[in-house]
C-alpha atoms as a PDB file:
ATOM      1  CA  UNK A   1      -0.002  -0.019  -0.008  1.00  0.00           C
ATOM      2  CA  UNK A   2       1.316   3.415  -0.897  1.00  0.00           C
ATOM      3  CA  UNK A   3       1.910   6.143   1.706  1.00  0.00           C
ATOM      4  CA  UNK A   4      -1.244   7.979   0.549  1.00  0.00           C
ATOM      5  CA  UNK A   5      -3.195   4.749   0.804  1.00  0.00           C
ATOM      6  CA  UNK A   6      -1.922   4.163   4.279  1.00  0.00           C
ATOM      7  CA  UNK A   7      -2.923   7.780   5.231  1.00  0.00           C
ATOM      8  CA  UNK A   8      -6.348   7.342   3.666  1.00  0.00           C
ATOM      9  CA  UNK A   9      -6.856   4.168   5.700  1.00  0.00           C
ATOM     10  CA  UNK A  10      -5.886   5.953   8.898  1.00  0.00           C
ATOM     11  CA  UNK A  11      -8.077   8.946   8.267  1.00  0.00           C
ATOM     12  CA  UNK A  12     -11.075   6.544   7.604  1.00  0.00           C
ATOM     13  CA  UNK A  13     -10.331   4.694  10.960  1.00  0.00           C
ATOM     14  CA  UNK A  14     -10.019   8.055  12.687  1.00  0.00           C
ATOM     15  CA  UNK A  15     -13.345   9.207  10.934  1.00  0.00           C
ATOM     16  CA  UNK A  16     -15.303   6.276  12.252  1.00  0.00           C
ATOM     17  CA  UNK A  17     -13.874   6.317  15.736  1.00  0.00           C
ATOM     18  CA  UNK A  18     -14.626   9.985  16.202  1.00  0.00           C
ATOM     19  CA  UNK A  19     -17.990   9.966  14.899  1.00  0.00           C
ATOM     20  CA  UNK A  20     -18.949   6.913  17.142  1.00  0.00           C
ATOM     21  CA  UNK A  21     -17.448   8.572  20.135  1.00  0.00           C
ATOM     22  CA  UNK A  22     -19.062  12.013  19.614  1.00  0.00           C
ATOM     23  CA  UNK A  23     -22.599  10.930  18.955  1.00  0.00           C
ATOM     24  CA  UNK A  24     -22.408   8.923  22.168  1.00  0.00           C
ATOM     25  CA  UNK A  25     -20.122  10.875  24.605  1.00  0.00           C
ATOM     26  CA  UNK A  26     -19.527  14.093  22.912  1.00  0.00           C
ATOM     27  CA  UNK A  27     -20.622  17.466  24.385  1.00  0.00           C
ATOM     28  CA  UNK A  28     -24.123  18.976  23.715  1.00  0.00           C
ATOM     29  CA  UNK A  29     -25.947  22.053  24.669  1.00  0.00           C
ATOM     30  CA  UNK A  30     -27.385  21.999  28.149  1.00  0.00           C
ATOM     31  CA  UNK A  31     -30.405  24.133  26.915  1.00  0.00           C
ATOM     32  CA  UNK A  32     -31.660  24.898  23.599  1.00  0.00           C
ATOM     33  CA  UNK A  33     -34.341  27.412  22.538  1.00  0.00           C
ATOM     34  CA  UNK A  34     -35.778  25.138  19.731  1.00  0.00           C
ATOM     35  CA  UNK A  35     -38.049  22.297  20.091  1.00  0.00           C
ATOM     36  CA  UNK A  36     -36.770  18.786  21.116  1.00  0.00           C
ATOM     37  CA  UNK A  37     -34.031  17.287  23.167  1.00  0.00           C
ATOM     38  CA  UNK A  38     -30.761  19.080  23.495  1.00  0.00           C
ATOM     39  CA  UNK A  39     -29.150  15.643  22.824  1.00  0.00           C
ATOM     40  CA  UNK A  40     -30.409  15.768  19.318  1.00  0.00           C
ATOM     41  CA  UNK A  41     -27.603  18.448  18.679  1.00  0.00           C
ATOM     42  CA  UNK A  42     -25.159  15.617  18.764  1.00  0.00           C
ATOM     43  CA  UNK A  43     -26.261  15.441  15.038  1.00  0.00           C
ATOM     44  CA  UNK A  44     -23.831  18.450  14.418  1.00  0.00           C
ATOM     45  CA  UNK A  45     -21.007  15.773  14.444  1.00  0.00           C
ATOM     46  CA  UNK A  46     -22.441  13.702  11.645  1.00  0.00           C
ATOM     47  CA  UNK A  47     -24.775  15.907   9.705  1.00  0.00           C
ATOM     48  CA  UNK A  48     -23.121  19.302   9.414  1.00  0.00           C
ATOM     49  CA  UNK A  49     -19.553  18.198   8.390  1.00  0.00           C
ATOM     50  CA  UNK A  50     -20.518  16.136   5.238  1.00  0.00           C
ATOM     51  CA  UNK A  51     -22.890  18.898   4.302  1.00  0.00           C
ATOM     52  CA  UNK A  52     -19.949  21.470   4.488  1.00  0.00           C
ATOM     53  CA  UNK A  53     -17.805  19.115   2.357  1.00  0.00           C
ATOM     54  CA  UNK A  54     -20.734  18.913  -0.224  1.00  0.00           C
ATOM     55  CA  UNK A  55     -20.268  22.507  -1.155  1.00  0.00           C
ATOM     56  CA  UNK A  56     -16.582  22.086  -1.329  1.00  0.00           C
ATOM     57  CA  UNK A  57     -16.929  19.283  -3.663  1.00  0.00           C
ATOM     58  CA  UNK A  58     -19.487  21.137  -5.752  1.00  0.00           C
ATOM     59  CA  UNK A  59     -16.893  24.105  -5.939  1.00  0.00           C
ATOM     60  CA  UNK A  60     -14.205  21.689  -6.859  1.00  0.00           C
ATOM     61  CA  UNK A  61     -16.283  20.103  -9.756  1.00  0.00           C
ATOM     62  CA  UNK A  62     -17.152  23.585 -10.954  1.00  0.00           C
ATOM     63  CA  UNK A  63     -13.507  24.756 -11.051  1.00  0.00           C
ATOM     64  CA  UNK A  64     -12.522  21.599 -12.966  1.00  0.00           C
ATOM     65  CA  UNK A  65     -15.481  22.189 -15.379  1.00  0.00           C
ATOM     66  CA  UNK A  66     -14.580  25.855 -16.099  1.00  0.00           C
ATOM     67  CA  UNK A  67     -11.035  24.862 -16.341  1.00  0.00           C
ATOM     68  CA  UNK A  68     -11.800  21.969 -18.875  1.00  0.00           C
ATOM     69  CA  UNK A  69     -13.924  24.241 -20.847  1.00  0.00           C
ATOM     70  CA  UNK A  70     -11.099  26.704 -21.266  1.00  0.00           C
ATOM     71  CA  UNK A  71      -8.016  24.510 -21.434  1.00  0.00           C
ATOM     72  CA  UNK A  72      -9.259  20.909 -21.695  1.00  0.00           C
ATOM     73  CA  UNK A  73      -9.112  18.177 -19.014  1.00  0.00           C
ATOM     74  CA  UNK A  74      -6.510  15.408 -18.659  1.00  0.00           C
ATOM     75  CA  UNK A  75      -7.788  11.977 -18.088  1.00  0.00           C
ATOM     76  CA  UNK A  76      -6.974  12.369 -14.315  1.00  0.00           C
ATOM     77  CA  UNK A  77      -8.717  15.709 -13.973  1.00  0.00           C
ATOM     78  CA  UNK A  78     -11.845  14.387 -15.673  1.00  0.00           C
ATOM     79  CA  UNK A  79     -11.976  11.479 -13.049  1.00  0.00           C
ATOM     80  CA  UNK A  80     -11.656  14.248 -10.439  1.00  0.00           C
ATOM     81  CA  UNK A  81     -14.632  16.071 -11.854  1.00  0.00           C
ATOM     82  CA  UNK A  82     -16.631  12.878 -12.107  1.00  0.00           C
ATOM     83  CA  UNK A  83     -15.770  11.877  -8.587  1.00  0.00           C
ATOM     84  CA  UNK A  84     -16.691  15.353  -7.244  1.00  0.00           C
ATOM     85  CA  UNK A  85     -19.901  15.460  -8.882  1.00  0.00           C
ATOM     86  CA  UNK A  86     -20.764  11.960  -7.814  1.00  0.00           C
ATOM     87  CA  UNK A  87     -19.891  12.819  -4.299  1.00  0.00           C
ATOM     88  CA  UNK A  88     -22.109  16.050  -4.400  1.00  0.00           C
ATOM     89  CA  UNK A  89     -25.104  13.775  -5.336  1.00  0.00           C
ATOM     90  CA  UNK A  90     -24.302  11.138  -2.474  1.00  0.00           C
ATOM     91  CA  UNK A  91     -23.614  13.889   0.109  1.00  0.00           C
ATOM     92  CA  UNK A  92     -26.685  15.807  -0.956  1.00  0.00           C
ATOM     93  CA  UNK A  93     -29.063  12.823  -0.382  1.00  0.00           C
ATOM     94  CA  UNK A  94     -27.340  12.171   2.934  1.00  0.00           C
ATOM     95  CA  UNK A  95     -27.722  15.774   3.961  1.00  0.00           C
ATOM     96  CA  UNK A  96     -31.409  15.814   2.953  1.00  0.00           C
ATOM     97  CA  UNK A  97     -32.317  12.501   4.813  1.00  0.00           C
ATOM     98  CA  UNK A  98     -30.128  13.158   7.938  1.00  0.00           C
ATOM     99  CA  UNK A  99     -31.444  16.678   8.098  1.00  0.00           C
ATOM    100  CA  UNK A 100     -35.009  15.373   7.975  1.00  0.00           C
ATOM    101  CA  UNK A 101     -34.546  12.961  10.744  1.00  0.00           C
ATOM    102  CA  UNK A 102     -33.042  15.699  12.944  1.00  0.00           C
ATOM    103  CA  UNK A 103     -35.728  18.070  11.922  1.00  0.00           C
ATOM    104  CA  UNK A 104     -38.382  15.811  13.196  1.00  0.00           C
ATOM    105  CA  UNK A 105     -37.085  16.239  16.660  1.00  0.00           C
ATOM    106  CA  UNK A 106     -35.671  19.829  16.831  1.00  0.00           C
ATOM    107  CA  UNK A 107     -38.054  21.498  14.339  1.00  0.00           C
ATOM    108  CA  UNK A 108     -41.244  19.475  15.193  1.00  0.00           C
ATOM    109  CA  UNK A 109     -41.665  18.200  11.643  1.00  0.00           C
ATOM    110  CA  UNK A 110     -39.495  16.266   9.309  1.00  0.00           C
ATOM    111  CA  UNK A 111     -40.285  18.435   6.208  1.00  0.00           C
ATOM    112  CA  UNK A 112     -40.502  22.042   7.430  1.00  0.00           C
ATOM    113  CA  UNK A 113     -40.306  23.427   3.968  1.00  0.00           C
ATOM    114  CA  UNK A 114     -37.006  25.131   5.059  1.00  0.00           C
ATOM    115  CA  UNK A 115     -35.316  26.742   2.118  1.00  0.00           C
ATOM    116  CA  UNK A 116     -32.058  25.057   2.787  1.00  0.00           C
ATOM    117  CA  UNK A 117     -33.728  21.675   3.149  1.00  0.00           C
ATOM    118  CA  UNK A 118     -35.731  21.974   0.043  1.00  0.00           C
ATOM    119  CA  UNK A 119     -32.776  23.352  -2.078  1.00  0.00           C
ATOM    120  CA  UNK A 120     -30.678  20.405  -0.825  1.00  0.00           C
ATOM    121  CA  UNK A 121     -33.258  17.984  -2.091  1.00  0.00           C
ATOM    122  CA  UNK A 122     -33.243  19.725  -5.503  1.00  0.00           C
ATOM    123  CA  UNK A 123     -29.481  19.667  -5.522  1.00  0.00           C
ATOM    124  CA  UNK A 124     -29.305  15.966  -4.774  1.00  0.00           C
ATOM    125  CA  UNK A 125     -31.852  15.237  -7.487  1.00  0.00           C
ATOM    126  CA  UNK A 126     -30.150  17.271 -10.158  1.00  0.00           C
ATOM    127  CA  UNK A 127     -26.574  15.839  -9.493  1.00  0.00           C
ATOM    128  CA  UNK A 128     -28.110  12.463  -9.511  1.00  0.00           C
ATOM    129  CA  UNK A 129     -28.669  12.889 -13.106  1.00  0.00           C
ATOM    130  CA  UNK A 130     -24.909  13.415 -13.787  1.00  0.00           C
ATOM    131  CA  UNK A 131     -24.115   9.654 -14.246  1.00  0.00           C
ATOM    132  CA  UNK A 132     -26.702   9.336 -16.945  1.00  0.00           C
ATOM    133  CA  UNK A 133     -24.969  12.197 -18.849  1.00  0.00           C
ATOM    134  CA  UNK A 134     -21.592  10.665 -18.584  1.00  0.00           C
ATOM    135  CA  UNK A 135     -22.795   7.222 -19.407  1.00  0.00           C
ATOM    136  CA  UNK A 136     -25.758   7.720 -21.520  1.00  0.00           C
ATOM    137  CA  UNK A 137     -23.986   9.885 -24.359  1.00  0.00           C
ATOM    138  CA  UNK A 138     -21.880   7.468 -26.636  1.00  0.00           C
ATOM    139  CA  UNK A 139     -19.570  10.159 -27.993  1.00  0.00           C
ATOM    140  CA  UNK A 140     -16.838  10.649 -25.334  1.00  0.00           C
ATOM    141  CA  UNK A 141     -16.088  14.297 -26.296  1.00  0.00           C
ATOM    142  CA  UNK A 142     -19.754  15.324 -26.275  1.00  0.00           C
ATOM    143  CA  UNK A 143     -20.370  13.603 -23.058  1.00  0.00           C
ATOM    144  CA  UNK A 144     -17.633  15.478 -21.536  1.00  0.00           C
ATOM    145  CA  UNK A 145     -18.696  18.887 -22.755  1.00  0.00           C
ATOM    146  CA  UNK A 146     -22.412  18.132 -21.621  1.00  0.00           C
ATOM    147  CA  UNK A 147     -20.996  17.204 -18.209  1.00  0.00           C
ATOM    148  CA  UNK A 148     -18.944  20.380 -17.967  1.00  0.00           C
ATOM    149  CA  UNK A 149     -22.040  22.502 -18.800  1.00  0.00           C
ATOM    150  CA  UNK A 150     -24.034  20.456 -16.352  1.00  0.00           C
ATOM    151  CA  UNK A 151     -21.700  20.904 -13.362  1.00  0.00           C
ATOM    152  CA  UNK A 152     -21.351  24.707 -14.065  1.00  0.00           C
ATOM    153  CA  UNK A 153     -25.227  25.073 -14.021  1.00  0.00           C
ATOM    154  CA  UNK A 154     -25.457  22.932 -10.988  1.00  0.00           C
ATOM    155  CA  UNK A 155     -23.002  24.863  -9.164  1.00  0.00           C
ATOM    156  CA  UNK A 156     -25.342  27.926  -9.336  1.00  0.00           C
ATOM    157  CA  UNK A 157     -27.918  25.799  -7.396  1.00  0.00           C
ATOM    158  CA  UNK A 158     -25.341  24.915  -4.900  1.00  0.00           C
ATOM    159  CA  UNK A 159     -24.771  28.629  -4.326  1.00  0.00           C
ATOM    160  CA  UNK A 160     -28.370  29.227  -3.963  1.00  0.00           C
ATOM    161  CA  UNK A 161     -28.625  26.348  -1.437  1.00  0.00           C
ATOM    162  CA  UNK A 162     -25.682  27.848   0.462  1.00  0.00           C
ATOM    163  CA  UNK A 163     -27.279  31.358   0.632  1.00  0.00           C
ATOM    164  CA  UNK A 164     -30.851  30.092   1.166  1.00  0.00           C
ATOM    165  CA  UNK A 165     -31.040  30.965   4.971  1.00  0.00           C
ATOM    166  CA  UNK A 166     -30.031  34.490   3.989  1.00  0.00           C
ATOM    167  CA  UNK A 167     -32.310  34.835   1.024  1.00  0.00           C
ATOM    168  CA  UNK A 168     -35.347  33.572   2.766  1.00  0.00           C
ATOM    169  CA  UNK A 169     -36.687  32.880   6.372  1.00  0.00           C
ATOM    170  CA  UNK A 170     -35.262  29.665   7.588  1.00  0.00           C
ATOM    171  CA  UNK A 171     -34.878  27.387  10.408  1.00  0.00           C
ATOM    172  CA  UNK A 172     -31.077  26.760   9.382  1.00  0.00           C
ATOM    173  CA  UNK A 173     -28.687  29.253  10.697  1.00  0.00           C
ATOM    174  CA  UNK A 174     -26.958  31.707   8.325  1.00  0.00           C
ATOM    175  CA  UNK A 175     -23.643  30.694   6.679  1.00  0.00           C
ATOM    176  CA  UNK A 176     -20.833  31.388   9.044  1.00  0.00           C
ATOM    177  CA  UNK A 177     -22.856  30.903  12.114  1.00  0.00           C
ATOM    178  CA  UNK A 178     -21.034  28.089  14.060  1.00  0.00           C
ATOM    179  CA  UNK A 179     -21.444  26.635  17.543  1.00  0.00           C
ATOM    180  CA  UNK A 180     -18.989  27.789  20.325  1.00  0.00           C
ATOM    181  CA  UNK A 181     -17.143  25.934  22.750  1.00  0.00           C
ATOM    182  CA  UNK A 182     -16.095  22.289  22.597  1.00  0.00           C
ATOM    183  CA  UNK A 183     -19.064  21.309  20.436  1.00  0.00           C
ATOM    184  CA  UNK A 184     -18.051  23.804  17.727  1.00  0.00           C
ATOM    185  CA  UNK A 185     -14.372  22.685  17.954  1.00  0.00           C
ATOM    186  CA  UNK A 186     -15.091  19.080  17.502  1.00  0.00           C
ATOM    187  CA  UNK A 187     -17.423  19.938  14.688  1.00  0.00           C
ATOM    188  CA  UNK A 188     -14.682  21.884  13.136  1.00  0.00           C
ATOM    189  CA  UNK A 189     -12.289  19.072  13.567  1.00  0.00           C
ATOM    190  CA  UNK A 190     -14.561  16.605  11.711  1.00  0.00           C
ATOM    191  CA  UNK A 191     -15.126  18.959   8.916  1.00  0.00           C
ATOM    192  CA  UNK A 192     -11.294  19.182   8.389  1.00  0.00           C
ATOM    193  CA  UNK A 193     -11.023  15.311   8.739  1.00  0.00           C
ATOM    194  CA  UNK A 194     -13.875  14.464   6.184  1.00  0.00           C
ATOM    195  CA  UNK A 195     -12.648  17.101   3.687  1.00  0.00           C
ATOM    196  CA  UNK A 196      -9.086  15.649   4.054  1.00  0.00           C
ATOM    197  CA  UNK A 197     -10.539  12.153   3.223  1.00  0.00           C
ATOM    198  CA  UNK A 198     -12.145  13.518   0.051  1.00  0.00           C
ATOM    199  CA  UNK A 199      -9.154  15.289  -1.127  1.00  0.00           C
ATOM    200  CA  UNK A 200      -6.960  12.245  -0.557  1.00  0.00           C
ATOM    201  CA  UNK A 201      -9.405  10.166  -2.447  1.00  0.00           C
ATOM    202  CA  UNK A 202      -8.709  12.249  -5.428  1.00  0.00           C
ATOM    203  CA  UNK A 203      -5.235  10.928  -5.486  1.00  0.00           C
ATOM    204  CA  UNK A 204      -5.602   7.303  -4.397  1.00  0.00           C
ATOM    205  CA  UNK A 205      -8.099   4.612  -4.555  1.00  0.00           C
ATOM    206  CA  UNK A 206      -9.164   3.234  -1.264  1.00  0.00           C
ATOM    207  CA  UNK A 207      -8.071  -0.319  -0.258  1.00  0.00           C
ATOM    208  CA  UNK A 208     -11.259  -2.692  -0.485  1.00  0.00           C
ATOM    209  CA  UNK A 209     -11.116  -3.369   3.234  1.00  0.00           C
ATOM    210  CA  UNK A 210     -11.637   0.386   4.272  1.00  0.00           C
ATOM    211  CA  UNK A 211     -15.416  -0.053   3.250  1.00  0.00           C
ATOM    212  CA  UNK A 212     -15.671  -2.536   5.870  1.00  0.00           C
ATOM    213  CA  UNK A 213     -14.560   0.001   8.435  1.00  0.00           C
ATOM    214  CA  UNK A 214     -17.436   2.038   7.559  1.00  0.00           C
ATOM    215  CA  UNK A 215     -19.723  -0.829   7.596  1.00  0.00           C
ATOM    216  CA  UNK A 216     -18.386  -1.803  11.088  1.00  0.00           C
ATOM    217  CA  UNK A 217     -19.214   1.773  12.188  1.00  0.00           C
ATOM    218  CA  UNK A 218     -22.719   1.397  10.937  1.00  0.00           C
ATOM    219  CA  UNK A 219     -23.190  -1.806  12.984  1.00  0.00           C
ATOM    220  CA  UNK A 220     -21.784  -0.022  16.154  1.00  0.00           C
ATOM    221  CA  UNK A 221     -24.134   3.097  15.564  1.00  0.00           C
ATOM    222  CA  UNK A 222     -27.200   0.814  15.329  1.00  0.00           C
ATOM    223  CA  UNK A 223     -26.095  -1.204  18.447  1.00  0.00           C
ATOM    224  CA  UNK A 224     -25.887   2.075  20.315  1.00  0.00           C
ATOM    225  CA  UNK A 225     -29.684   2.473  19.859  1.00  0.00           C
ATOM    226  CA  UNK A 226     -30.219  -0.301  22.384  1.00  0.00           C
ATOM    227  CA  UNK A 227     -31.689   1.867  25.168  1.00  0.00           C
ATOM    228  CA  UNK A 228     -34.453   2.887  22.619  1.00  0.00           C
ATOM    229  CA  UNK A 229     -35.190  -0.750  22.040  1.00  0.00           C
ATOM    230  CA  UNK A 230     -34.955  -2.067  25.536  1.00  0.00           C
ATOM    231  CA  UNK A 231     -36.027   0.569  27.960  1.00  0.00           C
ATOM    232  CA  UNK A 232     -38.667   2.856  26.404  1.00  0.00           C
ATOM    233  CA  UNK A 233     -37.224   6.064  27.185  1.00  0.00           C
ATOM    234  CA  UNK A 234     -39.613   8.960  28.148  1.00  0.00           C
ATOM    235  CA  UNK A 235     -39.133  12.763  27.823  1.00  0.00           C
ATOM    236  CA  UNK A 236     -38.663  14.834  30.952  1.00  0.00           C
ATOM    237  CA  UNK A 237     -41.115  17.665  31.257  1.00  0.00           C
ATOM    238  CA  UNK A 238     -40.112  19.135  34.743  1.00  0.00           C
ATOM    239  CA  UNK A 239     -37.727  18.568  37.567  1.00  0.00           C
ATOM    240  CA  UNK A 240     -37.530  19.667  41.256  1.00  0.00           C
ATOM    241  CA  UNK A 241     -34.458  19.499  43.441  1.00  0.00           C
ATOM    242  CA  UNK A 242     -35.462  16.057  44.371  1.00  0.00           C
ATOM    243  CA  UNK A 243     -37.606  14.542  41.493  1.00  0.00           C
ATOM    244  CA  UNK A 244     -38.009  14.217  37.809  1.00  0.00           C
ATOM    245  CA  UNK A 245     -41.453  14.400  36.096  1.00  0.00           C
ATOM    246  CA  UNK A 246     -41.897  12.462  32.924  1.00  0.00           C
ATOM    247  CA  UNK A 247     -44.259  13.135  29.957  1.00  0.00           C
ATOM    248  CA  UNK A 248     -46.421  10.265  31.061  1.00  0.00           C
ATOM    249  CA  UNK A 249     -47.023  11.960  34.348  1.00  0.00           C
ATOM    250  CA  UNK A 250     -44.736   9.470  36.287  1.00  0.00           C
ATOM    251  CA  UNK A 251     -42.640  11.243  39.083  1.00  0.00           C
ATOM    252  CA  UNK A 252     -39.205   9.607  39.765  1.00  0.00           C
ATOM    253  CA  UNK A 253     -37.941  10.470  43.155  1.00  0.00           C
ATOM    254  CA  UNK A 254     -34.382  11.008  41.835  1.00  0.00           C
ATOM    255  CA  UNK A 255     -32.495  14.239  41.997  1.00  0.00           C
ATOM    256  CA  UNK A 256     -31.901  15.595  38.561  1.00  0.00           C
ATOM    257  CA  UNK A 257     -28.291  16.150  39.172  1.00  0.00           C
ATOM    258  CA  UNK A 258     -27.689  12.433  39.344  1.00  0.00           C
ATOM    259  CA  UNK A 259     -28.755  12.158  35.657  1.00  0.00           C
ATOM    260  CA  UNK A 260     -27.497  15.433  34.130  1.00  0.00           C
ATOM    261  CA  UNK A 261     -24.873  17.663  35.604  1.00  0.00           C
ATOM    262  CA  UNK A 262     -25.082  20.445  36.052  1.00  0.00           C
ATOM    263  CA  UNK A 263     -28.780  20.083  36.897  1.00  0.00           C
ATOM    264  CA  UNK A 264     -29.453  23.895  36.599  1.00  0.00           C
ATOM    265  CA  UNK A 265     -27.786  26.470  34.419  1.00  0.00           C
ATOM    266  CA  UNK A 266     -28.405  30.088  35.310  1.00  0.00           C
ATOM    267  CA  UNK A 267     -31.284  29.063  37.203  1.00  0.00           C
ATOM    268  CA  UNK A 268     -32.759  27.029  34.523  1.00  0.00           C
ATOM    269  CA  UNK A 269     -33.112  23.218  34.892  1.00  0.00           C
ATOM    270  CA  UNK A 270     -31.190  21.438  32.142  1.00  0.00           C
ATOM    271  CA  UNK A 271     -33.107  17.923  32.103  1.00  0.00           C
ATOM    272  CA  UNK A 272     -36.408  18.881  30.647  1.00  0.00           C
ATOM    273  CA  UNK A 273     -36.908  18.093  26.969  1.00  0.00           C
ATOM    274  CA  UNK A 274     -34.323  15.270  27.241  1.00  0.00           C
ATOM    275  CA  UNK A 275     -35.033  11.574  27.465  1.00  0.00           C
ATOM    276  CA  UNK A 276     -34.267   9.254  30.338  1.00  0.00           C
ATOM    277  CA  UNK A 277     -34.817   5.462  30.955  1.00  0.00           C
ATOM    278  CA  UNK A 278     -35.139   3.673  34.087  1.00  0.00           C
ATOM    279  CA  UNK A 279     -32.595   0.863  33.760  1.00  0.00           C
ATOM    280  CA  UNK A 280     -30.638  -1.317  36.145  1.00  0.00           C
ATOM    281  CA  UNK A 281     -32.424   0.202  39.133  1.00  0.00           C
ATOM    282  CA  UNK A 282     -31.391   3.792  38.245  1.00  0.00           C
ATOM    283  CA  UNK A 283     -32.286   6.542  35.896  1.00  0.00           C
ATOM    284  CA  UNK A 284     -30.106   7.357  32.914  1.00  0.00           C
ATOM    285  CA  UNK A 285     -29.818  10.103  30.316  1.00  0.00           C
ATOM    286  CA  UNK A 286     -30.572   8.694  26.993  1.00  0.00           C
ATOM    287  CA  UNK A 287     -29.239  10.531  23.975  1.00  0.00           C
ATOM    288  CA  UNK A 288     -31.590  11.130  21.099  1.00  0.00           C
ATOM    289  CA  UNK A 289     -31.975   8.315  18.718  1.00  0.00           C
ATOM    290  CA  UNK A 290     -31.589  10.648  15.748  1.00  0.00           C
ATOM    291  CA  UNK A 291     -27.795  11.185  16.185  1.00  0.00           C
ATOM    292  CA  UNK A 292     -27.343   7.325  16.059  1.00  0.00           C
ATOM    293  CA  UNK A 293     -29.589   6.888  12.964  1.00  0.00           C
ATOM    294  CA  UNK A 294     -27.598   9.631  11.179  1.00  0.00           C
ATOM    295  CA  UNK A 295     -24.353   8.172  12.069  1.00  0.00           C
ATOM    296  CA  UNK A 296     -25.415   4.854  10.707  1.00  0.00           C
ATOM    297  CA  UNK A 297     -26.612   6.628   7.450  1.00  0.00           C
ATOM    298  CA  UNK A 298     -23.201   8.676   7.344  1.00  0.00           C
ATOM    299  CA  UNK A 299     -21.220   5.408   7.379  1.00  0.00           C
ATOM    300  CA  UNK A 300     -23.365   3.840   4.876  1.00  0.00           C
ATOM    301  CA  UNK A 301     -22.993   6.997   2.498  1.00  0.00           C
ATOM    302  CA  UNK A 302     -19.197   6.874   2.859  1.00  0.00           C
ATOM    303  CA  UNK A 303     -19.032   3.100   2.148  1.00  0.00           C
ATOM    304  CA  UNK A 304     -21.065   3.771  -0.905  1.00  0.00           C
ATOM    305  CA  UNK A 305     -18.695   6.621  -1.972  1.00  0.00           C
ATOM    306  CA  UNK A 306     -15.615   4.474  -1.587  1.00  0.00           C
ATOM    307  CA  UNK A 307     -17.302   1.942  -3.645  1.00  0.00           C
ATOM    308  CA  UNK A 308     -17.893   4.564  -6.366  1.00  0.00           C
ATOM    309  CA  UNK A 309     -14.143   5.635  -6.173  1.00  0.00           C
ATOM    310  CA  UNK A 310     -12.938   2.141  -6.641  1.00  0.00           C
ATOM    311  CA  UNK A 311     -14.661   2.026  -9.925  1.00  0.00           C
ATOM    312  CA  UNK A 312     -13.292   5.358 -11.354  1.00  0.00           C
END
């Protein structure tokens, strides 16, 4: 295996390890103004970074298409453009589906007609037509020219999608808005990690076993859903200094500080909106299932992208 191949394999292992660690043990906001459990914000580690990389890959495919229209593309550069466009399609579908899963909890509805959410769907649909252009046109030269025109036009839609929260009222934050503290730092780290993986994939094909690393991560993410399958977690609606009130009306005589610390932040209780489960004679905080579902979807998407790259 070449040095770049070794680097890629290491990056993939680190990607899986950090994603699994952060969705299960990473920091999350103690209190959120939006609907839903604060632990649903663990999705920032698996939803936001691939979505950011999506726009980078769209920009890369655009640059290659413009350069090709001006100076022509080498065989390698053409493969880069193909891989970038395929990645936009795959990451676009992932961003839309994972965002929908998260939105169901934090926005109260899976399809809120948010302009970013809807534009990502259109972007995924449009870029999914790219393979048909590359494979459906028999004349290779004409196929390349059509693909370049398609990518250039598609990038306009990517820009619209990126600016959608500025152009219209949206649930999504505006571009440049980031989370502060450790949550934002870990999210930024994962953006750089995933971007490095995609840039490395331009220069080296992945070893076949690396897809198995992502599939193993998928299995772990699904396994981490066990509290939702075994204990029927319930949402907390209120707390006192010595008890926890559940959505069902059940009162648990357990100090909230034993479940989530700190129990109060600036006088506001931190446990309401979260889910807890009674297990093993105690009460445990249960992180929202959407983070695990989206981690599994992310691993499946990355395994698919590696499969595509092997065939280019």
